[in-house]
Amino acid sequence: MPDASRRTRLLAVLKTVTSQPLPDDDEESLFESGLLDSFALPDLVSALEREFSIKVPDRDLNPRKFDSIARMEAYLAEHAA
């Protein structure tokens, strides 16, 4: 079951990294839609690390892992306390 609090925090982080409206479809690629790019990825990961008190290892610094809201939720479900 998705964690509503985690989702709210994730969406808040995304809104700080991008100035564009977030997609309605959680599966939509944030990179293909232009919402995020390779320059925004480090900012996004740093913000997620701060917000969720996690450390994203270098091997996970892959746009594919953070490509959509759904993928980020799954990643946080696995790695965040």
Protein backbone atom coordinates (compact mmCIF):
# COMPACT_ATOMS: atom_id res chain seq x y z
CA MET A 1 0.00 0.00 0.00
CA PRO A 2 1.44 3.41 -0.94
CA ASP A 3 2.49 5.69 1.88
CA ALA A 4 0.49 8.94 1.54
CA SER A 5 2.92 10.91 3.71
CA ARG A 6 5.92 9.71 1.68
CA ARG A 7 4.10 10.62 -1.54
CA THR A 8 3.27 14.11 -0.26
CA ARG A 9 6.90 14.68 0.72
CA LEU A 10 8.12 13.32 -2.64
CA LEU A 11 5.82 15.65 -4.58
CA ALA A 12 6.99 18.59 -2.46
CA VAL A 13 10.62 17.75 -3.27
CA LEU A 14 9.82 17.49 -6.98
CA LYS A 15 8.13 20.88 -6.90
CA THR A 16 11.29 22.44 -5.46
CA VAL A 17 13.46 20.94 -8.23
CA THR A 18 11.22 21.88 -11.16
CA SER A 19 9.08 24.90 -11.77
CA GLN A 20 6.73 23.04 -14.11
CA PRO A 21 3.46 21.37 -13.10
CA LEU A 22 3.81 17.71 -12.19
CA PRO A 23 2.14 15.13 -14.46
CA ASP A 24 -1.15 13.50 -13.49
CA ASP A 25 0.17 10.11 -14.61
CA ASP A 26 2.59 8.67 -12.04
CA GLU A 27 4.14 6.47 -14.76
CA GLU A 28 4.94 9.36 -17.14
CA SER A 29 8.65 9.80 -17.81
CA LEU A 30 9.79 13.01 -16.14
CA PHE A 31 12.87 13.05 -18.38
CA GLU A 32 11.07 12.42 -21.68
CA SER A 33 8.46 15.06 -20.80
CA GLY A 34 11.23 17.59 -20.15
CA LEU A 35 10.26 18.07 -16.53
CA LEU A 36 13.70 16.82 -15.45
CA ASP A 37 17.01 16.61 -17.26
CA SER A 38 20.45 15.23 -16.46
CA PHE A 39 21.42 18.53 -14.81
CA ALA A 40 18.41 18.34 -12.46
CA LEU A 41 19.11 14.74 -11.41
CA PRO A 42 21.85 15.58 -8.84
CA ASP A 43 19.64 18.31 -7.35
CA LEU A 44 16.72 15.90 -7.14
CA VAL A 45 18.78 13.14 -5.53
CA SER A 46 20.32 15.57 -3.01
CA ALA A 47 16.87 16.87 -2.10
CA LEU A 48 15.54 13.32 -1.69
CA GLU A 49 18.52 12.40 0.50
CA ARG A 50 17.86 15.39 2.76
CA GLU A 51 14.10 14.93 2.94
CA PHE A 52 14.13 11.18 3.54
CA SER A 53 17.42 10.84 5.45
CA ILE A 54 18.81 8.35 2.96
CA LYS A 55 22.06 8.04 1.03
CA VAL A 56 21.65 7.22 -2.65
CA PRO A 57 24.73 5.22 -3.68
CA ASP A 58 26.57 6.23 -6.85
CA ARG A 59 25.44 3.03 -8.56
CA ASP A 60 21.84 4.26 -8.21
CA LEU A 61 22.51 7.65 -9.83
CA ASN A 62 20.73 6.54 -12.95
CA PRO A 63 17.92 8.58 -14.51
CA ARG A 64 15.98 5.34 -15.06
CA LYS A 65 15.56 4.86 -11.29
CA PHE A 66 14.09 8.36 -10.95
CA ASP A 67 12.25 8.47 -14.28
CA SER A 68 8.72 8.77 -12.91
CA ILE A 69 6.87 9.52 -9.72
CA ALA A 70 5.95 5.82 -9.46
CA ARG A 71 9.62 4.74 -9.77
CA MET A 72 10.69 7.26 -7.14
CA GLU A 73 7.95 6.06 -4.80
CA ALA A 74 9.11 2.47 -5.27
CA TYR A 75 12.74 3.45 -4.68
CA LEU A 76 11.84 5.33 -1.49
CA ALA A 77 9.63 2.48 -0.27
CA GLU A 78 12.67 0.22 -0.57
CA HIS A 79 15.33 2.59 0.82
CA ALA A 80 13.68 5.11 3.15
CA ALA A 81 12.95 4.35 6.77
